[in-house]
Amino acid sequence: MDLLQEILVFITFALALGYLFTKFIWKPAFLKKKSEKTKSCGVSGCGCD
């Protein structure tokens, strides 16, 4: 039972570290919002780019 508990704690810790890493350091392409991907080329915001 102790081994199972240690494994679950390790998995939880790894998931928490992964979340913090993607939240503050590295943002993968599939987690970015559409507004960050598409930017207009001019002031008018026509979306021609």
Protein backbone atom coordinates (compact mmCIF):
# COMPACT_ATOMS: atom_id res chain seq x y z
CA MET A 1 0.00 0.00 0.00
CA ASP A 2 2.88 2.36 0.73
CA LEU A 3 4.33 1.82 -2.73
CA LEU A 4 1.03 2.70 -4.38
CA GLN A 5 0.77 5.87 -2.29
CA GLU A 6 4.30 6.94 -3.25
CA ILE A 7 3.56 6.34 -6.93
CA LEU A 8 0.39 8.44 -6.74
CA VAL A 9 2.25 11.26 -4.97
CA PHE A 10 4.97 11.18 -7.62
CA ILE A 11 2.41 11.30 -10.45
CA THR A 12 0.60 14.22 -8.80
CA PHE A 13 3.88 16.08 -8.30
CA ALA A 14 4.91 15.47 -11.93
CA LEU A 15 1.55 16.74 -13.21
CA ALA A 16 1.81 19.86 -11.04
CA LEU A 17 5.32 20.58 -12.31
CA GLY A 18 4.19 20.04 -15.90
CA TYR A 19 1.31 22.44 -15.42
CA LEU A 20 3.54 25.14 -13.94
CA PHE A 21 6.12 24.62 -16.69
CA THR A 22 3.56 25.10 -19.46
CA LYS A 23 1.84 27.96 -17.64
CA PHE A 24 4.90 30.14 -17.05
CA ILE A 25 7.84 28.96 -19.16
CA TRP A 26 6.83 27.18 -22.38
CA LYS A 27 3.52 27.46 -24.20
CA PRO A 28 3.00 24.78 -26.84
CA ALA A 29 1.26 25.70 -30.09
CA PHE A 30 -1.87 23.69 -29.29
CA LEU A 31 -2.43 25.63 -26.04
CA LYS A 32 -2.24 29.10 -27.58
CA LYS A 33 -5.42 31.04 -28.15
CA LYS A 34 -6.47 32.03 -31.65
CA SER A 35 -6.05 35.73 -30.86
CA GLU A 36 -2.35 35.14 -30.21
CA LYS A 37 -1.86 33.29 -33.51
CA THR A 38 -3.58 35.71 -35.85
CA LYS A 39 -2.45 39.28 -35.94
CA SER A 40 -3.48 41.90 -38.44
CA CYS A 41 -0.91 43.59 -40.63
CA GLY A 42 -2.10 47.15 -40.11
CA VAL A 43 -3.95 49.45 -37.82
CA SER A 44 -7.39 48.80 -39.29
CA GLY A 45 -7.44 45.14 -38.25
CA CYS A 46 -8.57 43.92 -41.66
CA GLY A 47 -6.80 40.58 -41.21
CA CYS A 48 -5.03 40.74 -44.57
CA ASP A 49 -1.86 39.12 -43.25
